[in-house]
C-alpha cells in the first residue's frame, strides 16, 4: 500500500522551491509529487503538497536519505524563511 505524506504550508503563492523539491523526493524513492494552491475552503491561499512512496520501507529509507541530502537541507532551510508548515498528515492508501 502506498504511503502518502500531505503537507500544508502558509506563504506566498510561489511554487519555485516546490518545483525543486519534486526531483529531490523522486531521487529518494517517491513515485509522485504533487503541489498546488488551495482555491476554496478554510485553507484558501495555502500550498498543499502530496508526496507518495510505494510502501513503508521506501518511505522510511527515502525520507532518511532526503534528510541527509545537502540539496534537500538547503531547500528546506530556504523554504522555512518564507513558508510556515501548518499541518502534515501521513496516509496509508490504495488505488481503488
PDB file of N, CA and C in Angstrom:
ATOM      1  N   UNK A   1       0.829  -1.186   0.000  1.00  0.00           N
ATOM      2  CA  UNK A   1       0.000   0.000   0.000  1.00  0.00           C
ATOM      3  C   UNK A   1       0.869   1.244   0.000  1.00  0.00           C
ATOM      4  N   UNK A   2       0.442   2.257  -0.709  1.00  0.00           N
ATOM      5  CA  UNK A   2       1.195   3.493  -0.828  1.00  0.00           C
ATOM      6  C   UNK A   2       1.162   4.290   0.469  1.00  0.00           C
ATOM      7  N   UNK A   3       2.250   4.985   0.721  1.00  0.00           N
ATOM      8  CA  UNK A   3       2.331   5.927   1.836  1.00  0.00           C
ATOM      9  C   UNK A   3       2.329   7.317   1.220  1.00  0.00           C
ATOM     10  N   UNK A   4       1.364   8.139   1.615  1.00  0.00           N
ATOM     11  CA  UNK A   4       1.226   9.479   1.056  1.00  0.00           C
ATOM     12  C   UNK A   4       1.350  10.497   2.183  1.00  0.00           C
ATOM     13  N   UNK A   5       2.293  11.411   2.031  1.00  0.00           N
ATOM     14  CA  UNK A   5       2.522  12.466   3.015  1.00  0.00           C
ATOM     15  C   UNK A   5       1.936  13.752   2.444  1.00  0.00           C
ATOM     16  N   UNK A   6       0.987  14.337   3.162  1.00  0.00           N
ATOM     17  CA  UNK A   6       0.343  15.570   2.731  1.00  0.00           C
ATOM     18  C   UNK A   6       0.739  16.673   3.704  1.00  0.00           C
ATOM     19  N   UNK A   7       1.324  17.744   3.154  1.00  0.00           N
ATOM     20  CA  UNK A   7       1.770  18.878   3.958  1.00  0.00           C
ATOM     21  C   UNK A   7       1.060  20.137   3.482  1.00  0.00           C
ATOM     22  N   UNK A   8       0.731  20.996   4.433  1.00  0.00           N
ATOM     23  CA  UNK A   8       0.056  22.257   4.119  1.00  0.00           C
ATOM     24  C   UNK A   8       0.934  23.398   4.633  1.00  0.00           C
ATOM     25  N   UNK A   9       1.248  24.336   3.730  1.00  0.00           N
ATOM     26  CA  UNK A   9       2.174  25.424   4.024  1.00  0.00           C
ATOM     27  C   UNK A   9       1.500  26.778   3.844  1.00  0.00           C
ATOM     28  N   UNK A  10       1.808  27.718   4.728  1.00  0.00           N
ATOM     29  CA  UNK A  10       1.323  29.086   4.613  1.00  0.00           C
ATOM     30  C   UNK A  10       2.474  29.938   4.111  1.00  0.00           C
ATOM     31  N   UNK A  11       2.215  30.717   3.069  1.00  0.00           N
ATOM     32  CA  UNK A  11       3.236  31.576   2.491  1.00  0.00           C
ATOM     33  C   UNK A  11       2.769  32.086   1.148  1.00  0.00           C
ATOM     34  N   UNK A  12       3.678  32.693   0.410  1.00  0.00           N
ATOM     35  CA  UNK A  12       3.296  33.240  -0.900  1.00  0.00           C
ATOM     36  C   UNK A  12       2.963  32.132  -1.900  1.00  0.00           C
ATOM     37  N   UNK A  13       2.179  32.480  -2.890  1.00  0.00           N
ATOM     38  CA  UNK A  13       1.801  31.515  -3.936  1.00  0.00           C
ATOM     39  C   UNK A  13       2.932  31.374  -4.945  1.00  0.00           C
ATOM     40  N   UNK A  14       4.073  30.968  -4.475  1.00  0.00           N
ATOM     41  CA  UNK A  14       5.261  30.807  -5.309  1.00  0.00           C
ATOM     42  C   UNK A  14       5.685  29.344  -5.243  1.00  0.00           C
ATOM     43  N   UNK A  15       5.625  28.654  -6.371  1.00  0.00           N
ATOM     44  CA  UNK A  15       5.934  27.228  -6.405  1.00  0.00           C
ATOM     45  C   UNK A  15       7.381  26.946  -6.801  1.00  0.00           C
ATOM     46  N   UNK A  16       8.227  27.958  -6.855  1.00  0.00           N
ATOM     47  CA  UNK A  16       9.613  27.793  -7.298  1.00  0.00           C
ATOM     48  C   UNK A  16      10.354  26.754  -6.466  1.00  0.00           C
ATOM     49  N   UNK A  17      10.307  26.873  -5.151  1.00  0.00           N
ATOM     50  CA  UNK A  17      11.009  25.916  -4.291  1.00  0.00           C
ATOM     51  C   UNK A  17      10.379  24.531  -4.374  1.00  0.00           C
ATOM     52  N   UNK A  18       9.063  24.485  -4.460  1.00  0.00           N
ATOM     53  CA  UNK A  18       8.371  23.196  -4.561  1.00  0.00           C
ATOM     54  C   UNK A  18       8.778  22.462  -5.832  1.00  0.00           C
ATOM     55  N   UNK A  19       8.959  23.197  -6.901  1.00  0.00           N
ATOM     56  CA  UNK A  19       9.375  22.572  -8.160  1.00  0.00           C
ATOM     57  C   UNK A  19      10.776  21.980  -8.044  1.00  0.00           C
ATOM     58  N   UNK A  20      11.587  22.523  -7.162  1.00  0.00           N
ATOM     59  CA  UNK A  20      12.919  21.969  -6.916  1.00  0.00           C
ATOM     60  C   UNK A  20      12.846  20.748  -6.005  1.00  0.00           C
ATOM     61  N   UNK A  21      11.862  20.714  -5.123  1.00  0.00           N
ATOM     62  CA  UNK A  21      11.730  19.608  -4.174  1.00  0.00           C
ATOM     63  C   UNK A  21      11.265  18.324  -4.859  1.00  0.00           C
ATOM     64  N   UNK A  22      10.433  18.440  -5.890  1.00  0.00           N
ATOM     65  CA  UNK A  22       9.908  17.260  -6.570  1.00  0.00           C
ATOM     66  C   UNK A  22      10.988  16.303  -7.036  1.00  0.00           C
ATOM     67  N   UNK A  23      11.962  16.769  -7.816  1.00  0.00           N
ATOM     68  CA  UNK A  23      13.029  15.866  -8.271  1.00  0.00           C
ATOM     69  C   UNK A  23      13.856  15.283  -7.117  1.00  0.00           C
ATOM     70  N   UNK A  24      14.008  16.049  -6.036  1.00  0.00           N
ATOM     71  CA  UNK A  24      14.762  15.522  -4.892  1.00  0.00           C
ATOM     72  C   UNK A  24      14.025  14.351  -4.241  1.00  0.00           C
ATOM     73  N   UNK A  25      12.705  14.496  -4.049  1.00  0.00           N
ATOM     74  CA  UNK A  25      11.940  13.392  -3.466  1.00  0.00           C
ATOM     75  C   UNK A  25      11.948  12.174  -4.389  1.00  0.00           C
ATOM     76  N   UNK A  26      11.818  12.404  -5.688  1.00  0.00           N
ATOM     77  CA  UNK A  26      11.832  11.287  -6.634  1.00  0.00           C
ATOM     78  C   UNK A  26      13.196  10.610  -6.656  1.00  0.00           C
ATOM     79  N   UNK A  27      14.254  11.385  -6.504  1.00  0.00           N
ATOM     80  CA  UNK A  27      15.610  10.828  -6.418  1.00  0.00           C
ATOM     81  C   UNK A  27      15.711   9.851  -5.245  1.00  0.00           C
ATOM     82  N   UNK A  28      14.937  10.110  -4.201  1.00  0.00           N
ATOM     83  CA  UNK A  28      14.995   9.290  -2.983  1.00  0.00           C
ATOM     84  C   UNK A  28      13.805   8.335  -2.856  1.00  0.00           C
ATOM     85  N   UNK A  29      13.153   8.010  -3.975  1.00  0.00           N
ATOM     86  CA  UNK A  29      12.175   6.934  -3.967  1.00  0.00           C
ATOM     87  C   UNK A  29      10.714   7.291  -4.071  1.00  0.00           C
ATOM     88  N   UNK A  30      10.364   8.571  -4.067  1.00  0.00           N
ATOM     89  CA  UNK A  30       8.950   8.940  -4.220  1.00  0.00           C
ATOM     90  C   UNK A  30       8.484   8.574  -5.624  1.00  0.00           C
ATOM     91  N   UNK A  31       7.261   8.085  -5.725  1.00  0.00           N
ATOM     92  CA  UNK A  31       6.711   7.742  -7.037  1.00  0.00           C
ATOM     93  C   UNK A  31       5.904   8.891  -7.633  1.00  0.00           C
ATOM     94  N   UNK A  32       5.471   9.819  -6.801  1.00  0.00           N
ATOM     95  CA  UNK A  32       4.801  11.018  -7.311  1.00  0.00           C
ATOM     96  C   UNK A  32       4.925  12.148  -6.295  1.00  0.00           C
ATOM     97  N   UNK A  33       4.948  13.358  -6.839  1.00  0.00           N
ATOM     98  CA  UNK A  33       4.991  14.570  -6.021  1.00  0.00           C
ATOM     99  C   UNK A  33       4.035  15.558  -6.672  1.00  0.00           C
ATOM    100  N   UNK A  34       3.068  16.019  -5.905  1.00  0.00           N
ATOM    101  CA  UNK A  34       2.084  16.987  -6.395  1.00  0.00           C
ATOM    102  C   UNK A  34       2.051  18.173  -5.443  1.00  0.00           C
ATOM    103  N   UNK A  35       1.932  19.370  -6.002  1.00  0.00           N
ATOM    104  CA  UNK A  35       1.768  20.565  -5.175  1.00  0.00           C
ATOM    105  C   UNK A  35       0.826  21.516  -5.871  1.00  0.00           C
ATOM    106  N   UNK A  36       0.066  22.225  -5.085  1.00  0.00           N
ATOM    107  CA  UNK A  36      -0.847  23.205  -5.659  1.00  0.00           C
ATOM    108  C   UNK A  36      -1.318  24.180  -4.608  1.00  0.00           C
ATOM    109  N   UNK A  37      -1.956  25.223  -5.080  1.00  0.00           N
ATOM    110  CA  UNK A  37      -2.519  26.243  -4.208  1.00  0.00           C
ATOM    111  C   UNK A  37      -3.986  25.907  -3.972  1.00  0.00           C
ATOM    112  N   UNK A  38      -4.421  25.944  -2.739  1.00  0.00           N
ATOM    113  CA  UNK A  38      -5.820  25.681  -2.394  1.00  0.00           C
ATOM    114  C   UNK A  38      -6.654  26.897  -2.792  1.00  0.00           C
ATOM    115  N   UNK A  39      -7.718  26.664  -3.552  1.00  0.00           N
ATOM    116  CA  UNK A  39      -8.547  27.755  -4.062  1.00  0.00           C
ATOM    117  C   UNK A  39      -9.918  27.863  -3.422  1.00  0.00           C
ATOM    118  N   UNK A  40     -10.245  26.986  -2.471  1.00  0.00           N
ATOM    119  CA  UNK A  40     -11.521  27.134  -1.786  1.00  0.00           C
ATOM    120  C   UNK A  40     -11.435  26.488  -0.411  1.00  0.00           C
ATOM    121  N   UNK A  41     -12.331  26.907   0.461  1.00  0.00           N
ATOM    122  CA  UNK A  41     -12.371  26.344   1.810  1.00  0.00           C
ATOM    123  C   UNK A  41     -11.493  27.108   2.785  1.00  0.00           C
ATOM    124  N   UNK A  42     -11.361  26.563   3.965  1.00  0.00           N
ATOM    125  CA  UNK A  42     -10.681  27.282   5.034  1.00  0.00           C
ATOM    126  C   UNK A  42      -9.172  27.435   4.803  1.00  0.00           C
ATOM    127  N   UNK A  43      -8.591  26.673   3.880  1.00  0.00           N
ATOM    128  CA  UNK A  43      -7.151  26.766   3.619  1.00  0.00           C
ATOM    129  C   UNK A  43      -6.846  27.517   2.325  1.00  0.00           C
ATOM    130  N   UNK A  44      -7.797  28.303   1.838  1.00  0.00           N
ATOM    131  CA  UNK A  44      -7.608  29.069   0.611  1.00  0.00           C
ATOM    132  C   UNK A  44      -6.310  29.866   0.674  1.00  0.00           C
ATOM    133  N   UNK A  45      -5.527  29.770  -0.396  1.00  0.00           N
ATOM    134  CA  UNK A  45      -4.273  30.507  -0.487  1.00  0.00           C
ATOM    135  C   UNK A  45      -3.065  29.750   0.017  1.00  0.00           C
ATOM    136  N   UNK A  46      -3.281  28.647   0.713  1.00  0.00           N
ATOM    137  CA  UNK A  46      -2.154  27.869   1.216  1.00  0.00           C
ATOM    138  C   UNK A  46      -1.704  26.844   0.173  1.00  0.00           C
ATOM    139  N   UNK A  47      -0.441  26.452   0.280  1.00  0.00           N
ATOM    140  CA  UNK A  47       0.103  25.432  -0.610  1.00  0.00           C
ATOM    141  C   UNK A  47      -0.105  24.065   0.018  1.00  0.00           C
ATOM    142  N   UNK A  48      -0.516  23.104  -0.781  1.00  0.00           N
ATOM    143  CA  UNK A  48      -0.697  21.741  -0.299  1.00  0.00           C
ATOM    144  C   UNK A  48       0.141  20.829  -1.175  1.00  0.00           C
ATOM    145  N   UNK A  49       0.977  20.030  -0.519  1.00  0.00           N
ATOM    146  CA  UNK A  49       1.866  19.108  -1.235  1.00  0.00           C
ATOM    147  C   UNK A  49       1.543  17.684  -0.822  1.00  0.00           C
ATOM    148  N   UNK A  50       1.601  16.777  -1.792  1.00  0.00           N
ATOM    149  CA  UNK A  50       1.397  15.346  -1.529  1.00  0.00           C
ATOM    150  C   UNK A  50       2.558  14.585  -2.163  1.00  0.00           C
ATOM    151  N   UNK A  51       3.262  13.826  -1.346  1.00  0.00           N
ATOM    152  CA  UNK A  51       4.400  13.028  -1.806  1.00  0.00           C
ATOM    153  C   UNK A  51       4.070  11.565  -1.526  1.00  0.00           C
ATOM    154  N   UNK A  52       4.114  10.729  -2.557  1.00  0.00           N
ATOM    155  CA  UNK A  52       3.732   9.319  -2.412  1.00  0.00           C
ATOM    156  C   UNK A  52       4.944   8.406  -2.582  1.00  0.00           C
ATOM    157  N   UNK A  53       5.024   7.427  -1.700  1.00  0.00           N
ATOM    158  CA  UNK A  53       6.033   6.374  -1.750  1.00  0.00           C
ATOM    159  C   UNK A  53       5.301   5.044  -1.903  1.00  0.00           C
ATOM    160  N   UNK A  54       5.932   4.049  -2.516  1.00  0.00           N
ATOM    161  CA  UNK A  54       5.225   2.791  -2.770  1.00  0.00           C
ATOM    162  C   UNK A  54       4.879   1.992  -1.516  1.00  0.00           C
ATOM    163  N   UNK A  55       5.662   2.133  -0.435  1.00  0.00           N
ATOM    164  CA  UNK A  55       5.411   1.355   0.790  1.00  0.00           C
ATOM    165  C   UNK A  55       6.179   1.975   1.947  1.00  0.00           C
ATOM    166  N   UNK A  56       5.992   1.400   3.143  1.00  0.00           N
ATOM    167  CA  UNK A  56       6.647   1.936   4.346  1.00  0.00           C
ATOM    168  C   UNK A  56       8.168   1.903   4.234  1.00  0.00           C
ATOM    169  N   UNK A  57       8.707   0.836   3.672  1.00  0.00           N
ATOM    170  CA  UNK A  57      10.163   0.724   3.535  1.00  0.00           C
ATOM    171  C   UNK A  57      10.737   1.832   2.666  1.00  0.00           C
ATOM    172  N   UNK A  58      10.086   2.077   1.534  1.00  0.00           N
ATOM    173  CA  UNK A  58      10.536   3.139   0.635  1.00  0.00           C
ATOM    174  C   UNK A  58      10.377   4.504   1.288  1.00  0.00           C
ATOM    175  N   UNK A  59       9.291   4.694   2.046  1.00  0.00           N
ATOM    176  CA  UNK A  59       9.076   5.956   2.755  1.00  0.00           C
ATOM    177  C   UNK A  59      10.192   6.182   3.778  1.00  0.00           C
ATOM    178  N   UNK A  60      10.470   5.179   4.590  1.00  0.00           N
ATOM    179  CA  UNK A  60      11.491   5.314   5.628  1.00  0.00           C
ATOM    180  C   UNK A  60      12.873   5.581   5.056  1.00  0.00           C
ATOM    181  N   UNK A  61      13.282   4.772   4.100  1.00  0.00           N
ATOM    182  CA  UNK A  61      14.617   4.957   3.534  1.00  0.00           C
ATOM    183  C   UNK A  61      14.687   6.233   2.696  1.00  0.00           C
ATOM    184  N   UNK A  62      13.608   6.563   2.009  1.00  0.00           N
ATOM    185  CA  UNK A  62      13.588   7.772   1.200  1.00  0.00           C
ATOM    186  C   UNK A  62      13.673   9.034   2.033  1.00  0.00           C
ATOM    187  N   UNK A  63      12.927   9.088   3.118  1.00  0.00           N
ATOM    188  CA  UNK A  63      12.966  10.271   3.973  1.00  0.00           C
ATOM    189  C   UNK A  63      14.307  10.383   4.697  1.00  0.00           C
ATOM    190  N   UNK A  64      14.848   9.249   5.105  1.00  0.00           N
ATOM    191  CA  UNK A  64      16.158   9.267   5.761  1.00  0.00           C
ATOM    192  C   UNK A  64      17.219   9.784   4.786  1.00  0.00           C
ATOM    193  N   UNK A  65      17.172   9.332   3.548  1.00  0.00           N
ATOM    194  CA  UNK A  65      18.129   9.779   2.539  1.00  0.00           C
ATOM    195  C   UNK A  65      17.922  11.254   2.205  1.00  0.00           C
ATOM    196  N   UNK A  66      16.667  11.681   2.097  1.00  0.00           N
ATOM    197  CA  UNK A  66      16.385  13.089   1.792  1.00  0.00           C
ATOM    198  C   UNK A  66      16.914  13.994   2.896  1.00  0.00           C
ATOM    199  N   UNK A  67      16.687  13.611   4.154  1.00  0.00           N
ATOM    200  CA  UNK A  67      17.139  14.443   5.270  1.00  0.00           C
ATOM    201  C   UNK A  67      18.661  14.551   5.328  1.00  0.00           C
ATOM    202  N   UNK A  68      19.363  13.569   4.785  1.00  0.00           N
ATOM    203  CA  UNK A  68      20.825  13.597   4.768  1.00  0.00           C
ATOM    204  C   UNK A  68      21.377  14.274   3.509  1.00  0.00           C
ATOM    205  N   UNK A  69      20.512  14.575   2.555  1.00  0.00           N
ATOM    206  CA  UNK A  69      20.919  15.167   1.280  1.00  0.00           C
ATOM    207  C   UNK A  69      21.153  16.676   1.466  1.00  0.00           C
ATOM    208  N   UNK A  70      22.370  17.169   1.200  1.00  0.00           N
ATOM    209  CA  UNK A  70      22.646  18.597   1.363  1.00  0.00           C
ATOM    210  C   UNK A  70      21.745  19.494   0.507  1.00  0.00           C
ATOM    211  N   UNK A  71      21.359  19.034  -0.678  1.00  0.00           N
ATOM    212  CA  UNK A  71      20.460  19.826  -1.520  1.00  0.00           C
ATOM    213  C   UNK A  71      19.087  19.968  -0.876  1.00  0.00           C
ATOM    214  N   UNK A  72      18.592  18.887  -0.269  1.00  0.00           N
ATOM    215  CA  UNK A  72      17.301  18.948   0.408  1.00  0.00           C
ATOM    216  C   UNK A  72      17.395  19.825   1.661  1.00  0.00           C
ATOM    217  N   UNK A  73      18.477  19.704   2.415  1.00  0.00           N
ATOM    218  CA  UNK A  73      18.661  20.530   3.607  1.00  0.00           C
ATOM    219  C   UNK A  73      18.675  22.014   3.246  1.00  0.00           C
ATOM    220  N   UNK A  74      19.368  22.364   2.155  1.00  0.00           N
ATOM    221  CA  UNK A  74      19.425  23.744   1.706  1.00  0.00           C
ATOM    222  C   UNK A  74      18.033  24.238   1.315  1.00  0.00           C
ATOM    223  N   UNK A  75      17.312  23.409   0.571  1.00  0.00           N
ATOM    224  CA  UNK A  75      15.978  23.767   0.117  1.00  0.00           C
ATOM    225  C   UNK A  75      15.027  23.956   1.303  1.00  0.00           C
ATOM    226  N   UNK A  76      15.092  23.066   2.269  1.00  0.00           N
ATOM    227  CA  UNK A  76      14.244  23.161   3.451  1.00  0.00           C
ATOM    228  C   UNK A  76      14.564  24.418   4.255  1.00  0.00           C
ATOM    229  N   UNK A  77      15.852  24.737   4.404  1.00  0.00           N
ATOM    230  CA  UNK A  77      16.249  25.948   5.125  1.00  0.00           C
ATOM    231  C   UNK A  77      15.742  27.196   4.406  1.00  0.00           C
ATOM    232  N   UNK A  78      15.837  27.196   3.092  1.00  0.00           N
ATOM    233  CA  UNK A  78      15.365  28.332   2.304  1.00  0.00           C
ATOM    234  C   UNK A  78      13.847  28.476   2.414  1.00  0.00           C
ATOM    235  N   UNK A  79      13.143  27.352   2.335  1.00  0.00           N
ATOM    236  CA  UNK A  79      11.678  27.382   2.424  1.00  0.00           C
ATOM    237  C   UNK A  79      11.209  27.873   3.786  1.00  0.00           C
ATOM    238  N   UNK A  80      11.922  27.508   4.846  1.00  0.00           N
ATOM    239  CA  UNK A  80      11.492  27.902   6.193  1.00  0.00           C
ATOM    240  C   UNK A  80      11.617  29.404   6.435  1.00  0.00           C
ATOM    241  N   UNK A  81      12.339  30.111   5.572  1.00  0.00           N
ATOM    242  CA  UNK A  81      12.436  31.569   5.688  1.00  0.00           C
ATOM    243  C   UNK A  81      11.164  32.249   5.184  1.00  0.00           C
ATOM    244  N   UNK A  82      10.465  31.599   4.268  1.00  0.00           N
ATOM    245  CA  UNK A  82       9.316  32.206   3.599  1.00  0.00           C
ATOM    246  C   UNK A  82       7.999  31.521   3.934  1.00  0.00           C
ATOM    247  N   UNK A  83       8.048  30.230   4.209  1.00  0.00           N
ATOM    248  CA  UNK A  83       6.835  29.445   4.430  1.00  0.00           C
ATOM    249  C   UNK A  83       6.784  28.908   5.856  1.00  0.00           C
ATOM    250  N   UNK A  84       5.558  28.708   6.333  1.00  0.00           N
ATOM    251  CA  UNK A  84       5.345  28.126   7.661  1.00  0.00           C
ATOM    252  C   UNK A  84       4.514  26.859   7.501  1.00  0.00           C
ATOM    253  N   UNK A  85       5.065  25.741   7.974  1.00  0.00           N
ATOM    254  CA  UNK A  85       4.329  24.487   7.932  1.00  0.00           C
ATOM    255  C   UNK A  85       3.121  24.582   8.852  1.00  0.00           C
ATOM    256  N   UNK A  86       1.932  24.307   8.309  1.00  0.00           N
ATOM    257  CA  UNK A  86       0.683  24.377   9.068  1.00  0.00           C
ATOM    258  C   UNK A  86       0.231  23.013   9.560  1.00  0.00           C
ATOM    259  N   UNK A  87       0.466  21.990   8.730  1.00  0.00           N
ATOM    260  CA  UNK A  87      -0.061  20.672   9.059  1.00  0.00           C
ATOM    261  C   UNK A  87       0.650  19.630   8.203  1.00  0.00           C
ATOM    262  N   UNK A  88       0.807  18.431   8.738  1.00  0.00           N
ATOM    263  CA  UNK A  88       1.340  17.311   7.956  1.00  0.00           C
ATOM    264  C   UNK A  88       0.617  16.048   8.408  1.00  0.00           C
ATOM    265  N   UNK A  89       0.172  15.267   7.421  1.00  0.00           N
ATOM    266  CA  UNK A  89      -0.504  14.001   7.692  1.00  0.00           C
ATOM    267  C   UNK A  89       0.139  12.914   6.856  1.00  0.00           C
ATOM    268  N   UNK A  90       0.150  11.707   7.388  1.00  0.00           N
ATOM    269  CA  UNK A  90       0.667  10.542   6.661  1.00  0.00           C
ATOM    270  C   UNK A  90      -0.480   9.565   6.490  1.00  0.00           C
ATOM    271  N   UNK A  91      -0.749   9.201   5.235  1.00  0.00           N
ATOM    272  CA  UNK A  91      -1.845   8.295   4.910  1.00  0.00           C
ATOM    273  C   UNK A  91      -1.305   6.990   4.367  1.00  0.00           C
ATOM    274  N   UNK A  92      -1.963   5.908   4.707  1.00  0.00           N
ATOM    275  CA  UNK A  92      -1.733   4.628   4.047  1.00  0.00           C
ATOM    276  C   UNK A  92      -2.897   4.463   3.090  1.00  0.00           C
ATOM    277  N   UNK A  93      -2.592   4.408   1.793  1.00  0.00           N
ATOM    278  CA  UNK A  93      -3.657   4.391   0.810  1.00  0.00           C
ATOM    279  C   UNK A  93      -3.525   3.273  -0.191  1.00  0.00           C
ATOM    280  N   UNK A  94      -4.558   3.096  -0.958  1.00  0.00           N
ATOM    281  CA  UNK A  94      -4.541   2.108  -2.029  1.00  0.00           C
ATOM    282  C   UNK A  94      -5.333   2.653  -3.201  1.00  0.00           C
ATOM    283  N   UNK A  95      -4.972   2.210  -4.395  1.00  0.00           N
ATOM    284  CA  UNK A  95      -5.720   2.585  -5.578  1.00  0.00           C
ATOM    285  C   UNK A  95      -7.043   1.814  -5.584  1.00  0.00           C
ATOM    286  N   UNK A  96      -8.106   2.515  -5.881  1.00  0.00           N
ATOM    287  CA  UNK A  96      -9.428   1.881  -5.944  1.00  0.00           C
ATOM    288  C   UNK A  96     -10.062   2.101  -7.300  1.00  0.00           C
TER     289      UNK A  96
END
